[in-house]
Amino acid sequence: MEIIQFPYRGWILKVTPDSDGYTAHLSHPRQQADNEFFVVATRFDSACDAIKAAMLFADIGTAELAIREVLSDMMNCDRLSLKEFNCLAASIRGVWRKEKPIRAAVEP
């Protein structure tokens, strides 16, 4: 078994084999220093399932980054209060958590 690593929509996806199956990792150059990877999900039966999970998280993460930029601009233009910004940003993070793969254990 070998490590699979490739770019996807500005992210770097990595899938590694371990004793319980496969683990999906992500890294984003704007968010992580020196391409530091974080674990998306673990214990997949196949590398394909782990890749799909990592791609889903990358898609949601890309949308979250774009929405956060818009919210930040709106707050800077006094169209959103800090409280509204925080509530909307929290709702985006809630979507991220809800979309995690059902069969995977997501680590913080």
N, C-alpha and C. Protein backbone atom coordinates (compact mmCIF):
# COMPACT_ATOMS: atom_id res chain seq x y z
N MET A 1 0.84 -1.17 0.00
CA MET A 1 0.00 0.00 0.00
C MET A 1 0.89 1.24 0.00
N GLU A 2 0.47 2.23 -0.76
CA GLU A 2 1.28 3.43 -0.88
C GLU A 2 0.46 4.67 -0.58
N ILE A 3 1.15 5.76 -0.35
CA ILE A 3 0.51 7.05 -0.10
C ILE A 3 0.07 7.65 -1.42
N ILE A 4 -1.15 8.16 -1.47
CA ILE A 4 -1.69 8.83 -2.66
C ILE A 4 -1.76 10.31 -2.31
N GLN A 5 -1.19 11.16 -3.17
CA GLN A 5 -1.20 12.60 -2.93
C GLN A 5 -1.35 13.32 -4.25
N PHE A 6 -2.27 14.31 -4.29
CA PHE A 6 -2.48 15.08 -5.52
C PHE A 6 -3.20 16.39 -5.21
N PRO A 7 -3.04 17.39 -6.11
CA PRO A 7 -3.74 18.66 -5.92
C PRO A 7 -5.20 18.54 -6.36
N TYR A 8 -6.05 19.31 -5.67
CA TYR A 8 -7.48 19.33 -6.01
C TYR A 8 -8.04 20.69 -5.61
N ARG A 9 -8.41 21.49 -6.59
CA ARG A 9 -9.03 22.80 -6.38
C ARG A 9 -8.27 23.68 -5.39
N GLY A 10 -6.96 23.70 -5.51
CA GLY A 10 -6.13 24.53 -4.65
C GLY A 10 -5.72 23.86 -3.35
N TRP A 11 -6.24 22.70 -3.07
CA TRP A 11 -5.90 21.93 -1.87
C TRP A 11 -4.93 20.82 -2.28
N ILE A 12 -4.24 20.27 -1.30
CA ILE A 12 -3.47 19.06 -1.52
C ILE A 12 -4.17 17.96 -0.73
N LEU A 13 -4.57 16.90 -1.42
CA LEU A 13 -5.22 15.76 -0.79
C LEU A 13 -4.19 14.65 -0.64
N LYS A 14 -4.26 13.98 0.49
CA LYS A 14 -3.35 12.86 0.72
C LYS A 14 -4.14 11.75 1.39
N VAL A 15 -3.96 10.53 0.91
CA VAL A 15 -4.58 9.35 1.50
C VAL A 15 -3.47 8.40 1.88
N THR A 16 -3.51 7.97 3.14
CA THR A 16 -2.48 7.07 3.65
C THR A 16 -3.12 5.78 4.17
N PRO A 17 -2.45 4.66 3.93
CA PRO A 17 -2.95 3.40 4.50
C PRO A 17 -2.50 3.28 5.96
N ASP A 18 -3.33 2.67 6.77
CA ASP A 18 -2.94 2.35 8.14
C ASP A 18 -3.58 1.03 8.55
N SER A 19 -3.43 0.64 9.76
CA SER A 19 -3.90 -0.68 10.19
C SER A 19 -5.42 -0.82 10.15
N ASP A 20 -6.15 0.29 10.25
CA ASP A 20 -7.62 0.24 10.24
C ASP A 20 -8.23 0.55 8.89
N GLY A 21 -7.46 0.73 7.86
CA GLY A 21 -7.97 1.10 6.54
C GLY A 21 -7.19 2.26 5.96
N TYR A 22 -7.91 3.27 5.51
CA TYR A 22 -7.27 4.44 4.89
C TYR A 22 -7.68 5.71 5.63
N THR A 23 -6.76 6.67 5.65
CA THR A 23 -6.99 7.96 6.29
C THR A 23 -6.88 9.05 5.24
N ALA A 24 -7.83 9.99 5.26
CA ALA A 24 -7.84 11.12 4.34
C ALA A 24 -7.26 12.35 5.05
N HIS A 25 -6.37 13.07 4.35
CA HIS A 25 -5.73 14.27 4.87
C HIS A 25 -5.93 15.40 3.86
N LEU A 26 -5.94 16.64 4.36
CA LEU A 26 -6.03 17.82 3.51
C LEU A 26 -5.00 18.85 3.94
N SER A 27 -4.58 19.66 3.00
CA SER A 27 -3.74 20.81 3.27
C SER A 27 -4.13 21.92 2.31
N HIS A 28 -4.16 23.14 2.81
CA HIS A 28 -4.44 24.29 1.95
C HIS A 28 -3.34 25.32 2.18
N PRO A 29 -2.67 25.74 1.13
CA PRO A 29 -1.54 26.67 1.29
C PRO A 29 -1.90 27.96 2.03
N ARG A 30 -3.13 28.45 1.89
CA ARG A 30 -3.52 29.68 2.57
C ARG A 30 -3.81 29.47 4.05
N GLN A 31 -4.08 28.24 4.44
CA GLN A 31 -4.49 27.97 5.81
C GLN A 31 -3.43 27.25 6.64
N GLN A 32 -2.55 26.53 6.00
CA GLN A 32 -1.57 25.72 6.72
C GLN A 32 -0.16 26.17 6.36
N ALA A 33 0.70 26.16 7.34
CA ALA A 33 2.10 26.52 7.09
C ALA A 33 2.85 25.30 6.58
N ASP A 34 3.69 25.50 5.59
CA ASP A 34 4.54 24.44 5.05
C ASP A 34 3.78 23.18 4.66
N ASN A 35 2.62 23.36 4.03
CA ASN A 35 1.80 22.22 3.60
C ASN A 35 1.53 21.22 4.72
N GLU A 36 1.28 21.74 5.90
CA GLU A 36 0.91 20.89 7.03
C GLU A 36 -0.48 20.29 6.76
N PHE A 37 -0.59 18.98 6.89
CA PHE A 37 -1.85 18.30 6.61
C PHE A 37 -2.66 18.12 7.90
N PHE A 38 -3.97 18.14 7.76
CA PHE A 38 -4.82 17.77 8.88
C PHE A 38 -5.67 16.58 8.48
N VAL A 39 -6.03 15.77 9.44
CA VAL A 39 -6.81 14.56 9.18
C VAL A 39 -8.26 14.93 8.99
N VAL A 40 -8.83 14.48 7.88
CA VAL A 40 -10.24 14.72 7.59
C VAL A 40 -11.07 13.59 8.18
N ALA A 41 -10.70 12.37 7.88
CA ALA A 41 -11.47 11.21 8.33
C ALA A 41 -10.59 9.97 8.27
N THR A 42 -10.96 8.98 9.07
CA THR A 42 -10.18 7.76 9.16
C THR A 42 -11.06 6.53 8.98
N ARG A 43 -10.43 5.39 8.89
CA ARG A 43 -11.06 4.08 8.85
C ARG A 43 -11.93 3.81 7.62
N PHE A 44 -11.44 4.21 6.47
CA PHE A 44 -12.15 3.88 5.23
C PHE A 44 -11.68 2.51 4.73
N ASP A 45 -12.60 1.77 4.14
CA ASP A 45 -12.27 0.44 3.62
C ASP A 45 -11.42 0.52 2.36
N SER A 46 -11.60 1.59 1.58
CA SER A 46 -10.85 1.70 0.33
C SER A 46 -10.24 3.10 0.20
N ALA A 47 -9.18 3.18 -0.58
CA ALA A 47 -8.56 4.46 -0.86
C ALA A 47 -9.52 5.37 -1.61
N CYS A 48 -10.34 4.78 -2.46
CA CYS A 48 -11.32 5.56 -3.24
C CYS A 48 -12.30 6.28 -2.32
N ASP A 49 -12.81 5.59 -1.29
CA ASP A 49 -13.72 6.22 -0.34
C ASP A 49 -13.03 7.36 0.42
N ALA A 50 -11.78 7.16 0.78
CA ALA A 50 -11.03 8.20 1.49
C ALA A 50 -10.80 9.40 0.58
N ILE A 51 -10.52 9.16 -0.68
CA ILE A 51 -10.33 10.26 -1.64
C ILE A 51 -11.63 11.04 -1.80
N LYS A 52 -12.75 10.35 -1.92
CA LYS A 52 -14.05 11.03 -2.04
C LYS A 52 -14.33 11.90 -0.83
N ALA A 53 -14.02 11.39 0.37
CA ALA A 53 -14.23 12.17 1.59
C ALA A 53 -13.36 13.42 1.60
N ALA A 54 -12.11 13.27 1.22
CA ALA A 54 -11.20 14.42 1.19
C ALA A 54 -11.67 15.44 0.15
N MET A 55 -12.16 14.98 -0.98
CA MET A 55 -12.66 15.90 -2.01
C MET A 55 -13.89 16.65 -1.51
N LEU A 56 -14.78 15.97 -0.80
CA LEU A 56 -15.97 16.62 -0.24
C LEU A 56 -15.56 17.72 0.73
N PHE A 57 -14.63 17.41 1.63
CA PHE A 57 -14.18 18.41 2.58
C PHE A 57 -13.49 19.57 1.87
N ALA A 58 -12.73 19.31 0.82
CA ALA A 58 -12.08 20.38 0.06
C ALA A 58 -13.13 21.27 -0.60
N ASP A 59 -14.17 20.67 -1.16
CA ASP A 59 -15.24 21.46 -1.79
C ASP A 59 -15.92 22.36 -0.77
N ILE A 60 -16.25 21.80 0.38
CA ILE A 60 -16.91 22.59 1.43
C ILE A 60 -15.95 23.65 1.97
N GLY A 61 -14.69 23.29 2.14
CA GLY A 61 -13.70 24.25 2.62
C GLY A 61 -13.50 25.41 1.67
N THR A 62 -13.51 25.11 0.37
CA THR A 62 -13.37 26.17 -0.64
C THR A 62 -14.54 27.13 -0.57
N ALA A 63 -15.74 26.58 -0.44
CA ALA A 63 -16.93 27.43 -0.31
C ALA A 63 -16.87 28.25 0.97
N GLU A 64 -16.42 27.63 2.05
CA GLU A 64 -16.32 28.35 3.33
C GLU A 64 -15.35 29.52 3.23
N LEU A 65 -14.20 29.31 2.60
CA LEU A 65 -13.23 30.40 2.46
C LEU A 65 -13.81 31.56 1.65
N ALA A 66 -14.53 31.23 0.57
CA ALA A 66 -15.11 32.27 -0.27
C ALA A 66 -16.20 33.04 0.48
N ILE A 67 -17.04 32.31 1.19
CA ILE A 67 -18.12 32.97 1.94
C ILE A 67 -17.56 33.82 3.06
N ARG A 68 -16.53 33.34 3.72
CA ARG A 68 -15.92 34.12 4.80
C ARG A 68 -15.34 35.43 4.28
N GLU A 69 -14.76 35.40 3.09
CA GLU A 69 -14.23 36.64 2.50
C GLU A 69 -15.35 37.64 2.24
N VAL A 70 -16.47 37.16 1.72
CA VAL A 70 -17.62 38.04 1.45
C VAL A 70 -18.16 38.60 2.77
N LEU A 71 -18.31 37.73 3.77
CA LEU A 71 -18.80 38.20 5.07
C LEU A 71 -17.86 39.22 5.68
N SER A 72 -16.57 38.99 5.55
CA SER A 72 -15.59 39.92 6.09
C SER A 72 -15.70 41.28 5.40
N ASP A 73 -15.84 41.26 4.07
CA ASP A 73 -16.02 42.51 3.33
C ASP A 73 -17.28 43.24 3.78
N MET A 74 -18.36 42.48 3.98
CA MET A 74 -19.62 43.09 4.41
C MET A 74 -19.48 43.69 5.81
N MET A 75 -18.75 43.02 6.68
CA MET A 75 -18.55 43.56 8.02
C MET A 75 -17.68 44.82 7.96
N ASN A 76 -16.65 44.81 7.12
CA ASN A 76 -15.78 45.97 6.98
C ASN A 76 -16.51 47.17 6.40
N CYS A 77 -17.58 46.92 5.64
CA CYS A 77 -18.38 48.01 5.06
C CYS A 77 -19.58 48.36 5.95
N ASP A 78 -19.57 47.86 7.16
CA ASP A 78 -20.65 48.12 8.14
C ASP A 78 -22.01 47.62 7.68
N ARG A 79 -22.03 46.57 6.90
CA ARG A 79 -23.30 45.94 6.51
C ARG A 79 -23.65 44.78 7.42
N LEU A 80 -22.66 44.31 8.18
CA LEU A 80 -22.86 43.26 9.17
C LEU A 80 -22.21 43.68 10.48
N SER A 81 -22.87 43.37 11.56
CA SER A 81 -22.24 43.60 12.87
C SER A 81 -21.31 42.42 13.16
N LEU A 82 -20.47 42.59 14.15
CA LEU A 82 -19.57 41.51 14.56
C LEU A 82 -20.39 40.29 15.00
N LYS A 83 -21.48 40.55 15.71
CA LYS A 83 -22.34 39.45 16.18
C LYS A 83 -22.94 38.69 14.98
N GLU A 84 -23.42 39.42 13.98
CA GLU A 84 -23.98 38.77 12.78
C GLU A 84 -22.89 37.99 12.04
N PHE A 85 -21.71 38.59 11.92
CA PHE A 85 -20.60 37.90 11.26
C PHE A 85 -20.29 36.59 11.97
N ASN A 86 -20.18 36.64 13.29
CA ASN A 86 -19.86 35.44 14.07
C ASN A 86 -20.94 34.36 13.92
N CYS A 87 -22.20 34.76 13.92
CA CYS A 87 -23.30 33.79 13.76
C CYS A 87 -23.26 33.14 12.38
N LEU A 88 -23.05 33.95 11.35
CA LEU A 88 -22.99 33.39 9.99
C LEU A 88 -21.76 32.51 9.80
N ALA A 89 -20.63 32.93 10.34
CA ALA A 89 -19.42 32.12 10.24
C ALA A 89 -19.61 30.79 10.97
N ALA A 90 -20.26 30.82 12.11
CA ALA A 90 -20.52 29.59 12.87
C ALA A 90 -21.45 28.67 12.09
N SER A 91 -22.41 29.23 11.36
CA SER A 91 -23.32 28.39 10.59
C SER A 91 -22.59 27.69 9.45
N ILE A 92 -21.59 28.34 8.89
CA ILE A 92 -20.78 27.72 7.84
C ILE A 92 -20.01 26.54 8.41
N ARG A 93 -19.41 26.73 9.59
CA ARG A 93 -18.69 25.63 10.23
C ARG A 93 -19.63 24.48 10.56
N GLY A 94 -20.89 24.80 10.89
CA GLY A 94 -21.88 23.76 11.17
C GLY A 94 -22.16 22.91 9.95
N VAL A 95 -22.22 23.52 8.79
CA VAL A 95 -22.42 22.77 7.55
C VAL A 95 -21.25 21.84 7.33
N TRP A 96 -20.03 22.33 7.58
CA TRP A 96 -18.82 21.51 7.41
C TRP A 96 -18.95 20.24 8.25
N ARG A 97 -19.36 20.38 9.50
CA ARG A 97 -19.47 19.22 10.39
C ARG A 97 -20.58 18.27 9.95
N LYS A 98 -21.70 18.80 9.47
CA LYS A 98 -22.82 17.95 9.05
C LYS A 98 -22.50 17.15 7.80
N GLU A 99 -21.62 17.68 6.94
CA GLU A 99 -21.32 17.03 5.68
C GLU A 99 -20.24 15.97 5.78
N LYS A 100 -19.73 15.72 6.97
CA LYS A 100 -18.66 14.73 7.09
C LYS A 100 -19.18 13.35 6.69
N PRO A 101 -18.33 12.52 6.16
CA PRO A 101 -18.75 11.18 5.75
C PRO A 101 -19.27 10.39 6.95
N ILE A 102 -20.36 9.70 6.76
CA ILE A 102 -21.03 8.99 7.84
C ILE A 102 -20.14 7.92 8.45
N ARG A 103 -19.39 7.21 7.64
CA ARG A 103 -18.61 6.09 8.14
C ARG A 103 -17.26 6.48 8.70
N ALA A 104 -16.99 7.77 8.75
CA ALA A 104 -15.65 8.21 9.17
C ALA A 104 -15.70 8.87 10.54
N ALA A 105 -14.60 8.77 11.22
CA ALA A 105 -14.44 9.47 12.50
C ALA A 105 -13.61 10.72 12.25
N VAL A 106 -14.21 11.88 12.39
CA VAL A 106 -13.50 13.12 12.11
C VAL A 106 -12.78 13.58 13.35
N GLU A 107 -11.52 13.94 13.18
CA GLU A 107 -10.71 14.42 14.28
C GLU A 107 -10.61 15.93 14.22
N PRO A 108 -10.53 16.61 15.39
CA PRO A 108 -10.45 18.08 15.39
C PRO A 108 -9.18 18.59 14.75
